[in-house]
Amino acid sequence: MPITRYLGACLLAISAVGALSQSTTSDSVRWSESVSQNYLVYPDQVYGFQSGTQLKLDVWQAQTDVPVPTIIYYHGGGWFFGDRTGAVPYFMPWVARGWNVVNVEYRMSGTAPAPAAAEDARCALRWVYRNAKQFHLDTSRIIVTGHSAGGHLALMAGMLQDSDGLDDDCPADETLDVPMKVAAVVDWYGPTDLWDLIQGANRKTYAVTWFAGIAERATEAKQVSPIHYVHPGLPPILILHGDEDPTVPYSQSRHLHALLDSAHQPNELYTVPGGKHGMFGKEADERAYERVWDFLEKYVPALPARGQDPLDTAKERVMH
């Protein structure tokens, strides 16, 4: 049964992103007071079973009878900590715009090493395709996004092709007869070159931990590095990164951006001057989200115009 049991607990997070929702403070407060009328939350949906554990996600479904834009959100935490319940504030800007949200849990390094989390990211995308009709998830307007390790997983989910093999252990889906693809990727400072993080000049403990116990680390690192999946036909990719990030090197985003440019694939690198690892500051965050909305309006088909509620657009589609 759908429930709204933790919507009330999220109202503080919602009001914190009022400036990002293109409305005045009073409008934001009124919106937060009525959010339970506009959304149902379907928690703990099982999208797979691996490493002796159920893989779960939550669906935040906008209340409309037609599909609306949908984001798949992957939380951060270096692949070794964090969970989806703590990720709610990060996707509130999307909820404030009336989008569906699929909030994904995945295996941490303490449960399974690489490439487990990347496999889970792909399996969650398959689940969305299989269950799109039930939850009104528009498969032509799926955006994958996340922060830090979640940004990496968004890149992996959006850049891979079915033939790359990381989907092989996903639950069988005989009804899925079309190739999976996403409309765009929004990557917030995600790692792109794992070999650099486990053996190169930018070696990081969190990355080394993800590869603990793996004999062929070079092979596995390549398998989960987005820089090795640049090919024709990629979805548009927006990369947002602070140029003073001490945790995920800014140079990694620059490298991916250069590869995408060389391959003539649509992409943008939005640099936050002086930005650390996700600590951009209020004004810088607002400018970053402005860039996100501009990017999506440019590349994703039939998105609502700036300032227009997607739920209102959906209602108009039903009427016509």
Protein backbone atom coordinates (compact mmCIF):
# COMPACT_ATOMS: atom_id res chain seq x y z
CA MET A 1 0.00 0.00 0.00
CA PRO A 2 1.30 3.50 -0.75
CA ILE A 3 2.08 5.55 2.33
CA THR A 4 3.22 9.04 3.16
CA ARG A 5 4.65 8.18 6.56
CA TYR A 6 7.87 10.12 6.17
CA LEU A 7 6.68 13.04 4.06
CA GLY A 8 6.09 15.06 7.20
CA ALA A 9 9.65 14.46 8.34
CA CYS A 10 10.87 15.82 5.00
CA LEU A 11 9.12 19.19 5.17
CA LEU A 12 12.16 20.87 6.71
CA ALA A 13 14.27 19.63 3.83
CA ILE A 14 11.67 20.82 1.34
CA SER A 15 11.57 24.34 2.73
CA ALA A 16 15.37 24.44 2.59
CA VAL A 17 15.23 24.25 -1.18
CA GLY A 18 12.49 26.83 -1.66
CA ALA A 19 14.80 29.10 -3.61
CA LEU A 20 15.55 26.28 -6.01
CA SER A 21 11.90 25.72 -6.88
CA GLN A 22 11.55 29.00 -8.76
CA SER A 23 9.06 30.40 -6.23
CA THR A 24 8.91 32.91 -3.41
CA THR A 25 9.37 31.83 0.20
CA SER A 26 5.63 32.06 0.88
CA ASP A 27 4.88 30.01 -2.24
CA SER A 28 7.38 27.40 -1.08
CA VAL A 29 5.75 27.16 2.34
CA ARG A 30 2.29 26.76 0.81
CA TRP A 31 3.61 24.10 -1.53
CA SER A 32 5.22 22.15 1.32
CA GLU A 33 1.95 22.23 3.25
CA SER A 34 0.14 20.53 0.36
CA VAL A 35 2.86 18.14 -0.78
CA SER A 36 1.06 15.12 0.68
CA GLN A 37 -1.82 15.86 -1.70
CA ASN A 38 0.51 15.81 -4.70
CA TYR A 39 2.73 12.83 -3.90
CA LEU A 40 2.50 9.25 -2.73
CA VAL A 41 5.59 7.41 -1.55
CA TYR A 42 6.00 3.70 -2.26
CA PRO A 43 8.92 2.67 -0.04
CA ASP A 44 10.96 -0.53 -0.01
CA GLN A 45 10.31 -1.72 -3.54
CA VAL A 46 12.59 -4.73 -4.13
CA TYR A 47 14.43 -4.50 -7.44
CA GLY A 48 16.85 -7.38 -6.94
CA PHE A 49 18.50 -9.82 -4.57
CA GLN A 50 22.31 -10.03 -4.44
CA SER A 51 25.00 -10.89 -1.88
CA GLY A 52 22.38 -12.26 0.48
CA THR A 53 20.44 -9.01 0.67
CA GLN A 54 17.36 -7.45 -0.89
CA LEU A 55 18.05 -4.43 -3.06
CA LYS A 56 15.44 -1.74 -2.47
CA LEU A 57 14.32 1.60 -3.80
CA ASP A 58 11.58 4.11 -3.01
CA VAL A 59 9.24 5.68 -5.55
CA TRP A 60 7.99 9.21 -5.00
CA GLN A 61 5.08 9.32 -7.43
CA ALA A 62 3.49 12.57 -8.52
CA GLN A 63 -0.29 12.24 -8.44
CA THR A 64 -1.33 12.30 -12.07
CA ASP A 65 -2.77 9.77 -14.49
CA VAL A 66 -0.12 10.27 -17.17
CA PRO A 67 3.66 9.80 -17.13
CA VAL A 68 5.75 12.76 -15.98
CA PRO A 69 9.54 13.30 -16.03
CA THR A 70 11.34 10.94 -13.67
CA ILE A 71 14.74 11.03 -12.01
CA ILE A 72 16.61 8.01 -10.73
CA TYR A 73 18.71 9.18 -7.79
CA TYR A 74 21.82 7.39 -6.45
CA HIS A 75 23.16 8.57 -3.09
CA GLY A 76 26.81 9.32 -2.41
CA GLY A 77 29.19 8.02 0.22
CA GLY A 78 32.27 6.63 -1.54
CA TRP A 79 30.52 3.29 -2.12
CA PHE A 80 31.07 2.44 1.56
CA PHE A 81 28.60 4.49 3.63
CA GLY A 82 25.28 6.31 3.34
CA ASP A 83 21.80 5.09 2.45
CA ARG A 84 18.80 6.24 0.49
CA THR A 85 16.90 7.53 3.53
CA GLY A 86 19.59 10.14 4.09
CA ALA A 87 19.44 11.25 0.45
CA VAL A 88 16.02 12.93 0.60
CA PRO A 89 17.28 16.55 0.85
CA TYR A 90 19.39 16.06 -2.27
CA PHE A 91 16.46 15.31 -4.56
CA MET A 92 13.98 17.80 -3.07
CA PRO A 93 14.61 20.29 -5.92
CA TRP A 94 13.18 17.69 -8.31
CA VAL A 95 10.16 17.02 -6.10
CA ALA A 96 9.55 20.76 -5.91
CA ARG A 97 9.26 20.74 -9.72
CA GLY A 98 6.66 17.96 -9.66
CA TRP A 99 8.87 15.17 -11.02
CA ASN A 100 8.71 11.51 -10.08
CA VAL A 101 11.72 10.33 -8.08
CA VAL A 102 13.13 6.81 -7.81
CA ASN A 103 15.53 6.79 -4.84
CA VAL A 104 17.92 3.83 -5.07
CA GLU A 105 19.80 1.81 -2.46
CA TYR A 106 22.76 -0.27 -3.66
CA ARG A 107 25.42 -2.57 -2.22
CA MET A 108 28.21 -0.94 -0.21
CA SER A 109 31.83 -2.06 -0.40
CA GLY A 110 31.45 -3.83 2.96
CA THR A 111 28.84 -6.10 1.37
CA ALA A 112 30.31 -6.57 -2.10
CA PRO A 113 33.30 -5.01 -3.90
CA ALA A 114 33.33 -3.45 -7.34
CA PRO A 115 31.53 -3.72 -9.70
CA ALA A 116 28.54 -4.54 -7.45
CA ALA A 117 27.24 -0.98 -6.96
CA ALA A 118 27.46 -0.29 -10.70
CA GLU A 119 25.57 -3.52 -11.44
CA ASP A 120 22.88 -2.44 -8.99
CA ALA A 121 22.63 0.97 -10.67
CA ARG A 122 21.87 -0.72 -13.97
CA CYS A 123 19.41 -3.16 -12.38
CA ALA A 124 17.50 -0.25 -10.83
CA LEU A 125 17.17 1.28 -14.29
CA ARG A 126 15.79 -2.03 -15.57
CA TRP A 127 13.28 -2.04 -12.72
CA VAL A 128 12.10 1.42 -13.75
CA TYR A 129 11.51 0.22 -17.29
CA ARG A 130 9.64 -2.87 -16.08
CA ASN A 131 7.42 -0.90 -13.70
CA ALA A 132 7.00 2.34 -15.64
CA LYS A 133 3.32 1.87 -16.36
CA GLN A 134 2.38 1.07 -12.76
CA PHE A 135 4.06 4.19 -11.35
CA HIS A 136 3.56 6.56 -14.31
CA LEU A 137 7.29 6.76 -15.00
CA ASP A 138 7.95 8.33 -18.39
CA THR A 139 10.71 6.21 -19.97
CA SER A 140 11.30 8.86 -22.65
CA ARG A 141 12.21 11.41 -19.96
CA ILE A 142 14.34 9.54 -17.42
CA ILE A 143 17.19 11.53 -15.88
CA VAL A 144 19.82 9.64 -13.87
CA THR A 145 21.61 11.73 -11.26
CA GLY A 146 23.51 11.57 -8.00
CA HIS A 147 26.21 13.21 -5.93
CA SER A 148 29.82 11.97 -5.60
CA ALA A 149 29.73 8.15 -5.78
CA GLY A 150 26.10 8.58 -6.81
CA GLY A 151 27.23 10.77 -9.69
CA HIS A 152 29.57 7.98 -10.78
CA LEU A 153 26.71 5.47 -10.65
CA ALA A 154 24.47 7.82 -12.64
CA LEU A 155 27.17 7.97 -15.33
CA MET A 156 27.46 4.18 -15.32
CA ALA A 157 23.69 3.70 -15.54
CA GLY A 158 23.34 6.22 -18.36
CA MET A 159 26.45 5.55 -20.45
CA LEU A 160 26.51 1.75 -20.55
CA GLN A 161 24.87 -0.30 -23.24
CA ASP A 162 23.03 -3.57 -22.62
CA SER A 163 25.92 -5.41 -24.28
CA ASP A 164 28.49 -4.17 -21.73
CA GLY A 165 27.58 -7.02 -19.39
CA LEU A 166 26.85 -5.31 -16.09
CA ASP A 167 23.16 -6.12 -16.54
CA ASP A 168 23.69 -9.87 -16.71
CA ASP A 169 22.68 -10.61 -13.11
CA CYS A 170 19.61 -8.35 -13.06
CA PRO A 171 16.26 -10.09 -12.52
CA ALA A 172 14.88 -11.56 -15.72
CA ASP A 173 12.57 -9.22 -17.59
CA GLU A 174 11.10 -10.98 -20.58
CA THR A 175 8.65 -8.10 -21.04
CA LEU A 176 11.48 -5.60 -21.60
CA ASP A 177 11.88 -5.72 -25.37
CA VAL A 178 13.49 -2.32 -25.99
CA PRO A 179 17.07 -1.18 -25.30
CA MET A 180 17.33 0.81 -22.09
CA LYS A 181 18.35 4.43 -22.46
CA VAL A 182 18.02 7.62 -20.48
CA ALA A 183 17.21 11.13 -21.66
CA ALA A 184 20.11 12.78 -19.80
CA VAL A 185 22.70 12.33 -17.06
CA VAL A 186 23.30 14.95 -14.35
CA ASP A 187 26.58 14.09 -12.63
CA TRP A 188 27.48 15.98 -9.47
CA TYR A 189 31.27 15.58 -9.04
CA GLY A 190 31.34 11.82 -9.58
CA PRO A 191 34.60 9.85 -10.07
CA THR A 192 35.30 8.90 -13.68
CA ASP A 193 38.69 7.11 -13.60
CA LEU A 194 38.88 4.45 -10.90
CA TRP A 195 42.41 3.30 -11.73
CA ASP A 196 43.65 6.81 -10.95
CA LEU A 197 41.89 6.60 -7.57
CA ILE A 198 43.25 3.20 -6.55
CA GLN A 199 46.73 3.19 -8.08
CA GLY A 200 47.47 6.57 -9.63
CA ALA A 201 48.50 10.01 -8.45
CA ASN A 202 45.08 10.63 -6.90
CA ARG A 203 44.89 7.47 -4.79
CA LYS A 204 41.98 7.61 -2.33
CA THR A 205 41.23 5.24 0.54
CA TYR A 206 37.51 5.09 -0.20
CA ALA A 207 38.22 3.85 -3.72
CA VAL A 208 40.84 1.34 -2.60
CA THR A 209 38.28 -0.05 -0.15
CA TRP A 210 35.80 -0.65 -2.98
CA PHE A 211 38.38 -2.88 -4.69
CA ALA A 212 39.50 -4.76 -1.57
CA GLY A 213 40.23 -8.43 -2.26
CA ILE A 214 40.06 -8.09 -6.06
CA ALA A 215 42.99 -9.71 -7.84
CA GLU A 216 42.56 -8.15 -11.29
CA ARG A 217 42.11 -4.60 -10.08
CA ALA A 218 43.20 -2.96 -13.34
CA THR A 219 40.56 -4.88 -15.29
CA GLU A 220 37.83 -4.18 -12.75
CA ALA A 221 38.79 -0.50 -12.48
CA LYS A 222 38.42 -0.12 -16.23
CA GLN A 223 35.05 -1.88 -16.12
CA VAL A 224 33.61 0.69 -13.70
CA SER A 225 35.26 3.83 -15.10
CA PRO A 226 32.95 6.09 -17.15
CA ILE A 227 35.88 7.37 -19.24
CA HIS A 228 35.95 3.95 -20.93
CA TYR A 229 32.32 4.13 -22.08
CA VAL A 230 32.45 7.14 -24.38
CA HIS A 231 30.74 6.08 -27.62
CA PRO A 232 28.34 7.46 -30.23
CA GLY A 233 24.74 7.85 -29.20
CA LEU A 234 25.26 8.78 -25.55
CA PRO A 235 22.59 10.79 -23.76
CA PRO A 236 23.44 14.45 -23.03
CA ILE A 237 25.65 14.65 -19.94
CA LEU A 238 25.94 17.58 -17.54
CA ILE A 239 28.91 17.48 -15.17
CA LEU A 240 28.99 19.81 -12.14
CA HIS A 241 32.19 20.02 -10.12
CA GLY A 242 34.06 22.38 -7.81
CA ASP A 243 37.59 23.12 -8.97
CA GLU A 244 39.01 22.77 -5.43
CA ASP A 245 37.42 19.39 -4.61
CA PRO A 246 39.81 17.46 -2.30
CA THR A 247 37.84 14.21 -2.45
CA VAL A 248 37.10 13.62 -6.14
CA PRO A 249 39.70 15.36 -8.32
CA TYR A 250 38.27 18.07 -10.56
CA SER A 251 40.70 16.82 -13.23
CA GLN A 252 38.59 13.67 -13.59
CA SER A 253 35.54 15.65 -14.68
CA ARG A 254 37.70 17.69 -17.06
CA HIS A 255 39.03 14.46 -18.56
CA LEU A 256 35.56 13.02 -19.17
CA HIS A 257 34.41 16.35 -20.62
CA ALA A 258 37.36 16.37 -23.05
CA LEU A 259 36.68 12.78 -24.16
CA LEU A 260 33.01 13.56 -24.76
CA ASP A 261 33.91 16.66 -26.74
CA SER A 262 36.39 14.69 -28.86
CA ALA A 263 33.67 12.13 -29.59
CA HIS A 264 31.21 14.94 -30.45
CA GLN A 265 28.80 13.82 -27.74
CA PRO A 266 26.51 16.46 -26.19
CA ASN A 267 27.83 17.48 -22.79
CA GLU A 268 28.67 20.42 -20.57
CA LEU A 269 31.08 20.88 -17.68
CA TYR A 270 29.83 23.41 -15.15
CA THR A 271 32.68 24.52 -12.91
CA VAL A 272 32.09 25.98 -9.45
CA PRO A 273 35.06 28.27 -8.76
CA GLY A 274 36.52 27.47 -5.35
CA GLY A 275 33.97 24.71 -4.86
CA LYS A 276 34.90 21.92 -2.46
CA HIS A 277 33.33 18.44 -2.35
CA GLY A 278 29.67 19.43 -2.47
CA MET A 279 30.10 22.40 -0.16
CA PHE A 280 29.41 25.08 -2.74
CA GLY A 281 27.39 27.48 -0.58
CA LYS A 282 23.79 28.66 -0.97
CA GLU A 283 24.26 31.07 -3.88
CA ALA A 284 26.56 28.71 -5.77
CA ASP A 285 24.07 25.87 -5.28
CA GLU A 286 21.28 28.01 -6.70
CA ARG A 287 23.38 28.91 -9.75
CA ALA A 288 24.26 25.25 -10.24
CA TYR A 289 20.62 24.21 -10.26
CA GLU A 290 19.85 27.02 -12.70
CA ARG A 291 22.40 25.39 -14.99
CA VAL A 292 20.71 22.00 -14.48
CA TRP A 293 17.27 23.32 -15.46
CA ASP A 294 18.69 25.18 -18.50
CA PHE A 295 20.53 22.06 -19.64
CA LEU A 296 17.48 19.83 -19.35
CA GLU A 297 15.20 22.30 -21.11
CA LYS A 298 17.69 22.28 -23.98
CA TYR A 299 18.12 18.53 -24.34
CA VAL A 300 15.18 16.61 -22.88
CA PRO A 301 12.12 16.48 -25.15
CA ALA A 302 8.87 18.13 -24.11
CA LEU A 303 9.89 19.22 -20.64
CA PRO A 304 7.61 21.83 -19.03
CA ALA A 305 8.67 25.41 -19.65
CA ARG A 306 10.54 27.22 -16.88
CA GLY A 307 8.18 28.06 -14.05
CA GLN A 308 5.42 25.71 -15.26
CA ASP A 309 4.37 22.88 -12.96
CA PRO A 310 4.88 19.48 -14.67
CA LEU A 311 1.66 18.29 -13.02
CA ASP A 312 -0.25 21.07 -14.77
CA THR A 313 1.36 20.07 -18.05
CA ALA A 314 0.36 16.46 -17.45
CA LYS A 315 -3.24 17.49 -16.83
CA GLU A 316 -3.26 19.44 -20.10
CA ARG A 317 -2.05 16.35 -21.94
CA VAL A 318 -4.91 14.32 -20.47
CA MET A 319 -7.47 16.94 -21.52
CA HIS A 320 -6.20 17.03 -25.08
